[in-house]
């Protein structure tokens, strides 16, 4: 966690906020060496799991059918 004095925060506020967004590391603001506030980045919305790889991978063939025909399953068990 990063620590910053209140005067440094006042002087560099826009830059500090850019760092906060970029690095995603909380920043403690201090006054006379004592913590008075904590800046934390807002949680970013995560991409949904379903459809996440759309346009990146492609599925070819029938993914629902088995590799072996169903009548071969019985012989594999015995």
N, C-alpha and C. Protein backbone atom coordinates (compact mmCIF):
# COMPACT_ATOMS: atom_id res chain seq x y z
N UNK A 1 0.84 -1.17 0.00
CA UNK A 1 0.00 0.00 0.00
C UNK A 1 0.90 1.24 0.00
N UNK A 2 0.53 2.19 -0.80
CA UNK A 2 1.30 3.41 -0.95
C UNK A 2 0.82 4.45 0.07
N UNK A 3 1.75 5.28 0.58
CA UNK A 3 1.40 6.35 1.53
C UNK A 3 1.80 7.69 0.93
N UNK A 4 0.96 8.70 1.16
CA UNK A 4 1.18 10.02 0.58
C UNK A 4 0.69 11.07 1.57
N UNK A 5 1.48 12.13 1.76
CA UNK A 5 1.04 13.19 2.66
C UNK A 5 -0.08 13.99 1.99
N UNK A 6 -0.89 14.65 2.81
CA UNK A 6 -2.02 15.40 2.28
C UNK A 6 -1.55 16.54 1.36
N UNK A 7 -0.42 17.15 1.69
CA UNK A 7 0.10 18.24 0.84
C UNK A 7 0.56 17.70 -0.52
N UNK A 8 1.21 16.53 -0.52
CA UNK A 8 1.61 15.91 -1.79
C UNK A 8 0.38 15.53 -2.61
N UNK A 9 -0.65 15.03 -1.91
CA UNK A 9 -1.88 14.67 -2.61
C UNK A 9 -2.52 15.90 -3.25
N UNK A 10 -2.59 17.01 -2.49
CA UNK A 10 -3.16 18.25 -3.04
C UNK A 10 -2.40 18.71 -4.29
N UNK A 11 -1.09 18.65 -4.23
CA UNK A 11 -0.26 19.14 -5.34
C UNK A 11 -0.30 18.23 -6.56
N UNK A 12 -0.50 16.95 -6.34
CA UNK A 12 -0.42 15.98 -7.44
C UNK A 12 -1.70 15.19 -7.65
N UNK A 13 -2.81 15.68 -7.19
CA UNK A 13 -4.07 14.94 -7.21
C UNK A 13 -4.37 14.24 -8.55
N UNK A 14 -4.36 14.95 -9.69
CA UNK A 14 -4.67 14.26 -10.96
C UNK A 14 -3.72 13.11 -11.27
N UNK A 15 -2.43 13.32 -11.01
CA UNK A 15 -1.44 12.26 -11.27
C UNK A 15 -1.63 11.08 -10.32
N UNK A 16 -1.93 11.37 -9.06
CA UNK A 16 -2.14 10.31 -8.08
C UNK A 16 -3.34 9.46 -8.48
N UNK A 17 -4.41 10.11 -8.92
CA UNK A 17 -5.60 9.36 -9.34
C UNK A 17 -5.33 8.52 -10.58
N UNK A 18 -4.52 9.04 -11.51
CA UNK A 18 -4.14 8.24 -12.68
C UNK A 18 -3.36 7.00 -12.26
N UNK A 19 -2.43 7.17 -11.31
CA UNK A 19 -1.66 6.03 -10.80
C UNK A 19 -2.58 5.01 -10.13
N UNK A 20 -3.55 5.51 -9.37
CA UNK A 20 -4.49 4.64 -8.68
C UNK A 20 -5.25 3.76 -9.67
N UNK A 21 -5.72 4.36 -10.75
CA UNK A 21 -6.46 3.62 -11.77
C UNK A 21 -5.54 2.64 -12.49
N UNK A 22 -4.34 3.08 -12.82
CA UNK A 22 -3.40 2.25 -13.57
C UNK A 22 -2.86 1.08 -12.75
N UNK A 23 -2.39 1.37 -11.52
CA UNK A 23 -1.70 0.35 -10.72
C UNK A 23 -2.64 -0.47 -9.84
N UNK A 24 -3.85 0.06 -9.58
CA UNK A 24 -4.85 -0.62 -8.75
C UNK A 24 -4.34 -0.91 -7.34
N UNK A 25 -3.49 -0.01 -6.80
CA UNK A 25 -2.94 -0.16 -5.46
C UNK A 25 -3.52 0.94 -4.57
N UNK A 26 -4.13 0.58 -3.42
CA UNK A 26 -4.69 1.60 -2.53
C UNK A 26 -3.63 2.59 -2.05
N UNK A 27 -4.06 3.82 -1.77
CA UNK A 27 -3.17 4.88 -1.32
C UNK A 27 -3.71 5.44 -0.01
N UNK A 28 -2.85 5.50 1.02
CA UNK A 28 -3.22 6.07 2.30
C UNK A 28 -2.75 7.52 2.32
N UNK A 29 -3.66 8.44 2.64
CA UNK A 29 -3.33 9.86 2.75
C UNK A 29 -3.06 10.14 4.23
N UNK A 30 -1.93 10.82 4.50
CA UNK A 30 -1.55 11.10 5.88
C UNK A 30 -1.52 12.61 6.15
N UNK A 31 -1.75 12.96 7.42
CA UNK A 31 -1.63 14.35 7.87
C UNK A 31 -0.79 14.30 9.15
N UNK A 32 0.31 14.99 9.13
CA UNK A 32 1.27 14.96 10.25
C UNK A 32 1.72 13.53 10.55
N UNK A 33 1.83 12.72 9.49
CA UNK A 33 2.31 11.35 9.64
C UNK A 33 1.26 10.33 10.06
N UNK A 34 0.02 10.80 10.30
CA UNK A 34 -1.04 9.89 10.73
C UNK A 34 -2.04 9.68 9.60
N UNK A 35 -2.45 8.44 9.37
CA UNK A 35 -3.41 8.17 8.29
C UNK A 35 -4.76 8.85 8.55
N UNK A 36 -5.29 9.51 7.51
CA UNK A 36 -6.60 10.16 7.65
C UNK A 36 -7.60 9.67 6.59
N UNK A 37 -7.08 9.11 5.52
CA UNK A 37 -7.98 8.65 4.45
C UNK A 37 -7.28 7.55 3.66
N UNK A 38 -8.10 6.77 2.98
CA UNK A 38 -7.56 5.70 2.13
C UNK A 38 -8.29 5.76 0.79
N UNK A 39 -7.52 5.87 -0.29
CA UNK A 39 -8.08 5.85 -1.63
C UNK A 39 -7.96 4.43 -2.18
N UNK A 40 -9.07 3.91 -2.64
CA UNK A 40 -9.05 2.58 -3.24
C UNK A 40 -9.71 2.65 -4.61
N UNK A 41 -9.20 1.90 -5.57
CA UNK A 41 -9.83 1.92 -6.90
C UNK A 41 -11.20 1.25 -6.87
N UNK A 42 -12.10 1.78 -7.65
CA UNK A 42 -13.42 1.16 -7.79
C UNK A 42 -13.24 -0.16 -8.51
N UNK A 43 -13.96 -1.17 -8.06
CA UNK A 43 -13.87 -2.49 -8.69
C UNK A 43 -14.28 -2.38 -10.15
N UNK A 44 -13.43 -2.90 -11.01
CA UNK A 44 -13.71 -2.89 -12.44
C UNK A 44 -14.74 -3.98 -12.74
N UNK A 45 -15.62 -3.70 -13.66
CA UNK A 45 -16.61 -4.70 -14.06
C UNK A 45 -15.87 -5.81 -14.80
N UNK A 46 -16.06 -7.01 -14.35
CA UNK A 46 -15.40 -8.15 -15.00
C UNK A 46 -16.20 -8.60 -16.21
N UNK A 47 -15.47 -9.07 -17.18
CA UNK A 47 -16.12 -9.59 -18.38
C UNK A 47 -16.88 -10.86 -18.01
N UNK A 48 -18.02 -11.04 -18.62
CA UNK A 48 -18.78 -12.25 -18.32
C UNK A 48 -18.04 -13.47 -18.86
N UNK A 49 -18.23 -14.58 -18.20
CA UNK A 49 -17.53 -15.81 -18.57
C UNK A 49 -18.03 -16.38 -19.89
N UNK A 50 -19.36 -16.44 -20.04
CA UNK A 50 -19.92 -17.00 -21.27
C UNK A 50 -19.72 -15.99 -22.41
N UNK A 51 -19.14 -16.45 -23.48
CA UNK A 51 -18.91 -15.60 -24.63
C UNK A 51 -17.61 -14.82 -24.57
N UNK A 52 -16.81 -15.04 -23.56
CA UNK A 52 -15.58 -14.29 -23.36
C UNK A 52 -14.56 -14.49 -24.49
N UNK A 53 -14.56 -15.68 -25.11
CA UNK A 53 -13.57 -15.97 -26.16
C UNK A 53 -14.14 -15.79 -27.56
N UNK A 54 -15.30 -15.16 -27.66
CA UNK A 54 -15.91 -14.94 -28.97
C UNK A 54 -14.97 -14.11 -29.85
N UNK A 55 -14.75 -14.58 -31.05
CA UNK A 55 -13.85 -13.89 -31.97
C UNK A 55 -12.39 -14.27 -31.79
N UNK A 56 -12.08 -14.99 -30.71
CA UNK A 56 -10.70 -15.39 -30.45
C UNK A 56 -10.49 -16.85 -30.86
N UNK A 57 -11.45 -17.71 -30.53
CA UNK A 57 -11.35 -19.11 -30.92
C UNK A 57 -12.55 -19.47 -31.79
N UNK A 58 -12.42 -20.54 -32.51
CA UNK A 58 -13.55 -21.03 -33.29
C UNK A 58 -13.69 -22.53 -33.05
N UNK A 59 -14.93 -22.99 -33.00
CA UNK A 59 -15.21 -24.40 -32.78
C UNK A 59 -15.59 -25.01 -34.11
N UNK A 60 -14.93 -26.09 -34.43
CA UNK A 60 -15.21 -26.77 -35.70
C UNK A 60 -15.74 -28.16 -35.40
N UNK A 61 -16.72 -28.56 -36.14
CA UNK A 61 -17.30 -29.89 -35.95
C UNK A 61 -18.40 -29.85 -34.91
N UNK A 62 -18.85 -31.03 -34.54
CA UNK A 62 -19.95 -31.18 -33.60
C UNK A 62 -19.37 -31.44 -32.22
N UNK A 63 -19.45 -30.47 -31.33
CA UNK A 63 -18.86 -30.64 -30.00
C UNK A 63 -19.75 -31.43 -29.05
N UNK A 64 -20.98 -31.71 -29.46
CA UNK A 64 -21.89 -32.45 -28.58
C UNK A 64 -21.84 -33.95 -28.79
N UNK A 65 -21.37 -34.40 -29.94
CA UNK A 65 -21.34 -35.84 -30.18
C UNK A 65 -20.06 -36.44 -29.61
N UNK A 66 -20.13 -37.72 -29.27
CA UNK A 66 -18.96 -38.38 -28.70
C UNK A 66 -17.96 -38.74 -29.81
N UNK A 67 -16.76 -39.01 -29.39
CA UNK A 67 -15.72 -39.42 -30.35
C UNK A 67 -15.97 -40.84 -30.81
N UNK A 68 -16.39 -41.69 -29.88
CA UNK A 68 -16.68 -43.09 -30.21
C UNK A 68 -18.19 -43.27 -30.33
N UNK A 69 -18.63 -44.17 -31.19
CA UNK A 69 -20.07 -44.43 -31.30
C UNK A 69 -20.58 -45.07 -30.02
N UNK A 70 -21.86 -44.86 -29.69
CA UNK A 70 -22.42 -45.41 -28.44
C UNK A 70 -22.26 -46.91 -28.28
N UNK A 71 -22.32 -47.71 -29.38
CA UNK A 71 -22.19 -49.17 -29.21
C UNK A 71 -20.77 -49.56 -28.81
N UNK A 72 -19.77 -48.69 -28.98
CA UNK A 72 -18.41 -48.99 -28.55
C UNK A 72 -18.25 -48.77 -27.05
N UNK A 73 -19.16 -48.03 -26.42
CA UNK A 73 -19.07 -47.78 -25.00
C UNK A 73 -19.24 -49.05 -24.20
N UNK A 74 -20.18 -49.92 -24.56
CA UNK A 74 -20.40 -51.15 -23.82
C UNK A 74 -19.19 -52.06 -23.86
N UNK A 75 -18.54 -52.17 -25.00
CA UNK A 75 -17.39 -53.06 -25.11
C UNK A 75 -16.19 -52.52 -24.32
N UNK A 76 -16.12 -51.21 -24.14
CA UNK A 76 -15.01 -50.63 -23.39
C UNK A 76 -15.12 -50.91 -21.90
N UNK A 77 -16.34 -51.11 -21.39
CA UNK A 77 -16.55 -51.35 -19.98
C UNK A 77 -16.17 -52.76 -19.57
N UNK A 78 -16.27 -53.71 -20.49
CA UNK A 78 -16.04 -55.12 -20.15
C UNK A 78 -14.67 -55.57 -20.46
